[in-house]
């Protein structure tokens, strides 16, 4: 995982690779699930980087499928 975790920093967004590791799902399956709406959406973080809200990933793991809605 990211070295920021080791310093006690918890980012708002994590990358697909990290999210797939946390969820125990391959990157390919995770990306396909995002496209079909099974997993939380990706956000544009920069021109080439995409991330998923960390809160949405852990909410999904807890069984909540209403990510991004408050």
PDB file of N, CA and C in Angstrom:
ATOM      1  N   UNK A   1       0.835  -1.186   0.000  1.00  0.00           N
ATOM      2  CA  UNK A   1       0.000   0.000   0.000  1.00  0.00           C
ATOM      3  C   UNK A   1       0.875   1.242   0.000  1.00  0.00           C
ATOM      4  N   UNK A   2       0.225   2.359  -0.039  1.00  0.00           N
ATOM      5  CA  UNK A   2       0.880   3.651  -0.116  1.00  0.00           C
ATOM      6  C   UNK A   2       1.642   3.949   1.171  1.00  0.00           C
ATOM      7  N   UNK A   3       2.801   4.592   1.040  1.00  0.00           N
ATOM      8  CA  UNK A   3       3.602   4.925   2.219  1.00  0.00           C
ATOM      9  C   UNK A   3       2.896   5.935   3.112  1.00  0.00           C
ATOM     10  N   UNK A   4       1.904   6.653   2.582  1.00  0.00           N
ATOM     11  CA  UNK A   4       1.155   7.596   3.399  1.00  0.00           C
ATOM     12  C   UNK A   4       0.427   6.892   4.542  1.00  0.00           C
ATOM     13  N   UNK A   5       0.026   5.644   4.341  1.00  0.00           N
ATOM     14  CA  UNK A   5      -0.634   4.886   5.403  1.00  0.00           C
ATOM     15  C   UNK A   5       0.315   4.660   6.564  1.00  0.00           C
ATOM     16  N   UNK A   6       1.580   4.416   6.245  1.00  0.00           N
ATOM     17  CA  UNK A   6       2.572   4.152   7.282  1.00  0.00           C
ATOM     18  C   UNK A   6       2.812   5.375   8.151  1.00  0.00           C
ATOM     19  N   UNK A   7       2.595   6.574   7.604  1.00  0.00           N
ATOM     20  CA  UNK A   7       2.792   7.804   8.357  1.00  0.00           C
ATOM     21  C   UNK A   7       1.527   8.220   9.094  1.00  0.00           C
ATOM     22  N   UNK A   8       0.479   7.395   9.046  1.00  0.00           N
ATOM     23  CA  UNK A   8      -0.761   7.701   9.730  1.00  0.00           C
ATOM     24  C   UNK A   8      -1.704   8.578   8.925  1.00  0.00           C
ATOM     25  N   UNK A   9      -1.373   8.833   7.678  1.00  0.00           N
ATOM     26  CA  UNK A   9      -2.210   9.665   6.808  1.00  0.00           C
ATOM     27  C   UNK A   9      -3.194   8.782   6.074  1.00  0.00           C
ATOM     28  N   UNK A  10      -4.456   9.123   6.126  1.00  0.00           N
ATOM     29  CA  UNK A  10      -5.492   8.366   5.450  1.00  0.00           C
ATOM     30  C   UNK A  10      -6.066   9.219   4.330  1.00  0.00           C
ATOM     31  N   UNK A  11      -5.727   8.920   3.077  1.00  0.00           N
ATOM     32  CA  UNK A  11      -6.176   9.762   1.962  1.00  0.00           C
ATOM     33  C   UNK A  11      -7.683   9.675   1.727  1.00  0.00           C
ATOM     34  N   UNK A  12      -8.233  10.706   1.094  1.00  0.00           N
ATOM     35  CA  UNK A  12      -9.653  10.703   0.749  1.00  0.00           C
ATOM     36  C   UNK A  12      -9.942   9.757  -0.402  1.00  0.00           C
ATOM     37  N   UNK A  13      -8.970   9.596  -1.296  1.00  0.00           N
ATOM     38  CA  UNK A  13      -9.121   8.735  -2.466  1.00  0.00           C
ATOM     39  C   UNK A  13      -8.023   7.690  -2.483  1.00  0.00           C
ATOM     40  N   UNK A  14      -8.363   6.495  -2.954  1.00  0.00           N
ATOM     41  CA  UNK A  14      -7.362   5.462  -3.166  1.00  0.00           C
ATOM     42  C   UNK A  14      -7.459   5.014  -4.621  1.00  0.00           C
ATOM     43  N   UNK A  15      -6.384   4.473  -5.121  1.00  0.00           N
ATOM     44  CA  UNK A  15      -6.342   4.050  -6.515  1.00  0.00           C
ATOM     45  C   UNK A  15      -6.935   2.657  -6.655  1.00  0.00           C
ATOM     46  N   UNK A  16      -7.308   2.291  -7.861  1.00  0.00           N
ATOM     47  CA  UNK A  16      -7.973   1.014  -8.108  1.00  0.00           C
ATOM     48  C   UNK A  16      -7.135  -0.150  -7.591  1.00  0.00           C
ATOM     49  N   UNK A  17      -5.832  -0.101  -7.782  1.00  0.00           N
ATOM     50  CA  UNK A  17      -4.971  -1.185  -7.309  1.00  0.00           C
ATOM     51  C   UNK A  17      -5.130  -1.375  -5.803  1.00  0.00           C
ATOM     52  N   UNK A  18      -5.101  -0.273  -5.051  1.00  0.00           N
ATOM     53  CA  UNK A  18      -5.260  -0.355  -3.598  1.00  0.00           C
ATOM     54  C   UNK A  18      -6.659  -0.832  -3.216  1.00  0.00           C
ATOM     55  N   UNK A  19      -7.665  -0.323  -3.903  1.00  0.00           N
ATOM     56  CA  UNK A  19      -9.050  -0.722  -3.611  1.00  0.00           C
ATOM     57  C   UNK A  19      -9.256  -2.206  -3.884  1.00  0.00           C
ATOM     58  N   UNK A  20      -8.668  -2.699  -4.969  1.00  0.00           N
ATOM     59  CA  UNK A  20      -8.826  -4.119  -5.289  1.00  0.00           C
ATOM     60  C   UNK A  20      -8.132  -4.991  -4.251  1.00  0.00           C
ATOM     61  N   UNK A  21      -6.986  -4.529  -3.735  1.00  0.00           N
ATOM     62  CA  UNK A  21      -6.291  -5.279  -2.677  1.00  0.00           C
ATOM     63  C   UNK A  21      -7.121  -5.314  -1.400  1.00  0.00           C
ATOM     64  N   UNK A  22      -7.699  -4.181  -1.026  1.00  0.00           N
ATOM     65  CA  UNK A  22      -8.517  -4.093   0.177  1.00  0.00           C
ATOM     66  C   UNK A  22      -9.739  -5.005   0.072  1.00  0.00           C
ATOM     67  N   UNK A  23     -10.354  -5.037  -1.108  1.00  0.00           N
ATOM     68  CA  UNK A  23     -11.583  -5.812  -1.319  1.00  0.00           C
ATOM     69  C   UNK A  23     -11.310  -7.272  -1.670  1.00  0.00           C
ATOM     70  N   UNK A  24     -10.061  -7.606  -2.008  1.00  0.00           N
ATOM     71  CA  UNK A  24      -9.742  -8.981  -2.385  1.00  0.00           C
ATOM     72  C   UNK A  24     -10.273  -9.348  -3.757  1.00  0.00           C
ATOM     73  N   UNK A  25     -10.319  -8.383  -4.660  1.00  0.00           N
ATOM     74  CA  UNK A  25     -10.837  -8.575  -6.014  1.00  0.00           C
ATOM     75  C   UNK A  25      -9.732  -8.175  -6.987  1.00  0.00           C
ATOM     76  N   UNK A  26      -9.615  -8.880  -8.105  1.00  0.00           N
ATOM     77  CA  UNK A  26      -8.595  -8.519  -9.079  1.00  0.00           C
ATOM     78  C   UNK A  26      -8.874  -7.128  -9.651  1.00  0.00           C
ATOM     79  N   UNK A  27      -7.821  -6.474 -10.115  1.00  0.00           N
ATOM     80  CA  UNK A  27      -7.968  -5.140 -10.699  1.00  0.00           C
ATOM     81  C   UNK A  27      -8.919  -5.177 -11.888  1.00  0.00           C
ATOM     82  N   UNK A  28      -8.795  -6.193 -12.727  1.00  0.00           N
ATOM     83  CA  UNK A  28      -9.661  -6.325 -13.906  1.00  0.00           C
ATOM     84  C   UNK A  28     -11.119  -6.446 -13.502  1.00  0.00           C
ATOM     85  N   UNK A  29     -11.419  -7.315 -12.539  1.00  0.00           N
ATOM     86  CA  UNK A  29     -12.808  -7.483 -12.086  1.00  0.00           C
ATOM     87  C   UNK A  29     -13.324  -6.227 -11.396  1.00  0.00           C
ATOM     88  N   UNK A  30     -12.451  -5.574 -10.639  1.00  0.00           N
ATOM     89  CA  UNK A  30     -12.859  -4.356  -9.946  1.00  0.00           C
ATOM     90  C   UNK A  30     -13.202  -3.271 -10.961  1.00  0.00           C
ATOM     91  N   UNK A  31     -12.351  -3.106 -11.970  1.00  0.00           N
ATOM     92  CA  UNK A  31     -12.595  -2.095 -13.001  1.00  0.00           C
ATOM     93  C   UNK A  31     -13.879  -2.410 -13.782  1.00  0.00           C
ATOM     94  N   UNK A  32     -14.104  -3.683 -14.094  1.00  0.00           N
ATOM     95  CA  UNK A  32     -15.341  -4.075 -14.787  1.00  0.00           C
ATOM     96  C   UNK A  32     -16.559  -3.792 -13.914  1.00  0.00           C
ATOM     97  N   UNK A  33     -16.436  -4.059 -12.614  1.00  0.00           N
ATOM     98  CA  UNK A  33     -17.529  -3.803 -11.683  1.00  0.00           C
ATOM     99  C   UNK A  33     -17.855  -2.327 -11.557  1.00  0.00           C
ATOM    100  N   UNK A  34     -16.835  -1.478 -11.662  1.00  0.00           N
ATOM    101  CA  UNK A  34     -17.064  -0.034 -11.632  1.00  0.00           C
ATOM    102  C   UNK A  34     -17.884   0.373 -12.845  1.00  0.00           C
ATOM    103  N   UNK A  35     -17.495  -0.150 -14.009  1.00  0.00           N
ATOM    104  CA  UNK A  35     -18.197   0.196 -15.256  1.00  0.00           C
ATOM    105  C   UNK A  35     -19.641  -0.274 -15.242  1.00  0.00           C
ATOM    106  N   UNK A  36     -19.917  -1.400 -14.588  1.00  0.00           N
ATOM    107  CA  UNK A  36     -21.284  -1.915 -14.555  1.00  0.00           C
ATOM    108  C   UNK A  36     -22.088  -1.407 -13.349  1.00  0.00           C
ATOM    109  N   UNK A  37     -21.447  -0.616 -12.470  1.00  0.00           N
ATOM    110  CA  UNK A  37     -22.162  -0.029 -11.340  1.00  0.00           C
ATOM    111  C   UNK A  37     -22.195  -0.890 -10.092  1.00  0.00           C
ATOM    112  N   UNK A  38     -21.466  -2.007 -10.086  1.00  0.00           N
ATOM    113  CA  UNK A  38     -21.437  -2.883  -8.913  1.00  0.00           C
ATOM    114  C   UNK A  38     -20.587  -2.282  -7.803  1.00  0.00           C
ATOM    115  N   UNK A  39     -19.500  -1.616  -8.181  1.00  0.00           N
ATOM    116  CA  UNK A  39     -18.567  -1.013  -7.228  1.00  0.00           C
ATOM    117  C   UNK A  39     -18.615   0.503  -7.341  1.00  0.00           C
ATOM    118  N   UNK A  40     -18.131   1.215  -6.326  1.00  0.00           N
ATOM    119  CA  UNK A  40     -18.155   2.684  -6.347  1.00  0.00           C
ATOM    120  C   UNK A  40     -17.441   3.274  -7.569  1.00  0.00           C
ATOM    121  N   UNK A  41     -17.850   4.458  -7.944  1.00  0.00           N
ATOM    122  CA  UNK A  41     -17.331   5.149  -9.126  1.00  0.00           C
ATOM    123  C   UNK A  41     -15.916   5.669  -8.946  1.00  0.00           C
ATOM    124  N   UNK A  42     -15.233   5.831 -10.096  1.00  0.00           N
ATOM    125  CA  UNK A  42     -13.912   6.454 -10.129  1.00  0.00           C
ATOM    126  C   UNK A  42     -14.096   7.960 -10.288  1.00  0.00           C
ATOM    127  N   UNK A  43     -13.131   8.712  -9.758  1.00  0.00           N
ATOM    128  CA  UNK A  43     -13.096  10.156  -9.899  1.00  0.00           C
ATOM    129  C   UNK A  43     -11.785  10.556 -10.562  1.00  0.00           C
ATOM    130  N   UNK A  44     -11.837  11.609 -11.368  1.00  0.00           N
ATOM    131  CA  UNK A  44     -10.626  12.133 -12.001  1.00  0.00           C
ATOM    132  C   UNK A  44      -9.847  12.932 -10.962  1.00  0.00           C
ATOM    133  N   UNK A  45      -8.640  12.484 -10.642  1.00  0.00           N
ATOM    134  CA  UNK A  45      -7.799  13.183  -9.670  1.00  0.00           C
ATOM    135  C   UNK A  45      -6.785  14.081 -10.366  1.00  0.00           C
ATOM    136  N   UNK A  46      -6.400  13.698 -11.553  1.00  0.00           N
ATOM    137  CA  UNK A  46      -5.519  14.495 -12.403  1.00  0.00           C
ATOM    138  C   UNK A  46      -5.779  14.060 -13.840  1.00  0.00           C
ATOM    139  N   UNK A  47      -4.970  14.530 -14.760  1.00  0.00           N
ATOM    140  CA  UNK A  47      -5.198  14.208 -16.166  1.00  0.00           C
ATOM    141  C   UNK A  47      -5.182  12.703 -16.420  1.00  0.00           C
ATOM    142  N   UNK A  48      -4.290  11.968 -15.739  1.00  0.00           N
ATOM    143  CA  UNK A  48      -4.160  10.534 -15.989  1.00  0.00           C
ATOM    144  C   UNK A  48      -4.499   9.645 -14.799  1.00  0.00           C
ATOM    145  N   UNK A  49      -4.703  10.215 -13.633  1.00  0.00           N
ATOM    146  CA  UNK A  49      -4.964   9.402 -12.438  1.00  0.00           C
ATOM    147  C   UNK A  49      -6.438   9.413 -12.089  1.00  0.00           C
ATOM    148  N   UNK A  50      -6.931   8.248 -11.721  1.00  0.00           N
ATOM    149  CA  UNK A  50      -8.305   8.091 -11.272  1.00  0.00           C
ATOM    150  C   UNK A  50      -8.273   7.440  -9.895  1.00  0.00           C
ATOM    151  N   UNK A  51      -9.205   7.811  -9.052  1.00  0.00           N
ATOM    152  CA  UNK A  51      -9.265   7.232  -7.728  1.00  0.00           C
ATOM    153  C   UNK A  51     -10.703   6.997  -7.303  1.00  0.00           C
ATOM    154  N   UNK A  52     -10.837   6.248  -6.248  1.00  0.00           N
ATOM    155  CA  UNK A  52     -12.140   5.927  -5.678  1.00  0.00           C
ATOM    156  C   UNK A  52     -12.159   6.490  -4.266  1.00  0.00           C
ATOM    157  N   UNK A  53     -13.287   7.079  -3.886  1.00  0.00           N
ATOM    158  CA  UNK A  53     -13.359   7.611  -2.521  1.00  0.00           C
ATOM    159  C   UNK A  53     -13.152   6.481  -1.527  1.00  0.00           C
ATOM    160  N   UNK A  54     -12.210   6.671  -0.636  1.00  0.00           N
ATOM    161  CA  UNK A  54     -11.870   5.667   0.378  1.00  0.00           C
ATOM    162  C   UNK A  54     -13.104   5.295   1.196  1.00  0.00           C
ATOM    163  N   UNK A  55     -13.879   6.292   1.566  1.00  0.00           N
ATOM    164  CA  UNK A  55     -15.095   6.078   2.347  1.00  0.00           C
ATOM    165  C   UNK A  55     -16.072   5.157   1.610  1.00  0.00           C
ATOM    166  N   UNK A  56     -16.186   5.333   0.284  1.00  0.00           N
ATOM    167  CA  UNK A  56     -17.089   4.498  -0.512  1.00  0.00           C
ATOM    168  C   UNK A  56     -16.639   3.046  -0.546  1.00  0.00           C
ATOM    169  N   UNK A  57     -15.325   2.813  -0.629  1.00  0.00           N
ATOM    170  CA  UNK A  57     -14.797   1.440  -0.658  1.00  0.00           C
ATOM    171  C   UNK A  57     -15.125   0.736   0.651  1.00  0.00           C
ATOM    172  N   UNK A  58     -14.858   1.388   1.782  1.00  0.00           N
ATOM    173  CA  UNK A  58     -15.117   0.742   3.066  1.00  0.00           C
ATOM    174  C   UNK A  58     -16.614   0.627   3.346  1.00  0.00           C
ATOM    175  N   UNK A  59     -17.388   1.565   2.850  1.00  0.00           N
ATOM    176  CA  UNK A  59     -18.847   1.471   2.967  1.00  0.00           C
ATOM    177  C   UNK A  59     -19.344   0.261   2.182  1.00  0.00           C
ATOM    178  N   UNK A  60     -18.786   0.063   0.968  1.00  0.00           N
ATOM    179  CA  UNK A  60     -19.154  -1.094   0.148  1.00  0.00           C
ATOM    180  C   UNK A  60     -18.810  -2.391   0.873  1.00  0.00           C
ATOM    181  N   UNK A  61     -17.644  -2.444   1.504  1.00  0.00           N
ATOM    182  CA  UNK A  61     -17.235  -3.648   2.236  1.00  0.00           C
ATOM    183  C   UNK A  61     -18.185  -3.958   3.390  1.00  0.00           C
ATOM    184  N   UNK A  62     -18.789  -2.927   3.973  1.00  0.00           N
ATOM    185  CA  UNK A  62     -19.731  -3.118   5.075  1.00  0.00           C
ATOM    186  C   UNK A  62     -21.131  -3.483   4.596  1.00  0.00           C
ATOM    187  N   UNK A  63     -21.319  -3.536   3.259  1.00  0.00           N
ATOM    188  CA  UNK A  63     -22.610  -3.940   2.715  1.00  0.00           C
ATOM    189  C   UNK A  63     -23.475  -2.805   2.217  1.00  0.00           C
ATOM    190  N   UNK A  64     -23.031  -1.572   2.403  1.00  0.00           N
ATOM    191  CA  UNK A  64     -23.794  -0.423   1.940  1.00  0.00           C
ATOM    192  C   UNK A  64     -23.548  -0.229   0.445  1.00  0.00           C
ATOM    193  N   UNK A  65     -24.582  -0.225  -0.344  1.00  0.00           N
ATOM    194  CA  UNK A  65     -24.444  -0.038  -1.787  1.00  0.00           C
ATOM    195  C   UNK A  65     -24.951   1.325  -2.223  1.00  0.00           C
ATOM    196  N   UNK A  66     -25.109   2.248  -1.280  1.00  0.00           N
ATOM    197  CA  UNK A  66     -25.583   3.602  -1.559  1.00  0.00           C
ATOM    198  C   UNK A  66     -24.418   4.586  -1.513  1.00  0.00           C
ATOM    199  N   UNK A  67     -23.255   4.220  -2.111  1.00  0.00           N
ATOM    200  CA  UNK A  67     -22.076   5.086  -2.044  1.00  0.00           C
ATOM    201  C   UNK A  67     -22.323   6.420  -2.707  1.00  0.00           C
ATOM    202  N   UNK A  68     -21.668   7.440  -2.148  1.00  0.00           N
ATOM    203  CA  UNK A  68     -21.767   8.778  -2.695  1.00  0.00           C
ATOM    204  C   UNK A  68     -23.048   9.501  -2.335  1.00  0.00           C
ATOM    205  N   UNK A  69     -23.923   8.864  -1.594  1.00  0.00           N
ATOM    206  CA  UNK A  69     -25.191   9.480  -1.211  1.00  0.00           C
ATOM    207  C   UNK A  69     -25.201   9.695   0.292  1.00  0.00           C
ATOM    208  N   UNK A  70     -25.538  10.874   0.689  1.00  0.00           N
ATOM    209  CA  UNK A  70     -25.590  11.190   2.131  1.00  0.00           C
ATOM    210  C   UNK A  70     -27.019  11.436   2.555  1.00  0.00           C
TER     211      UNK A  70
END
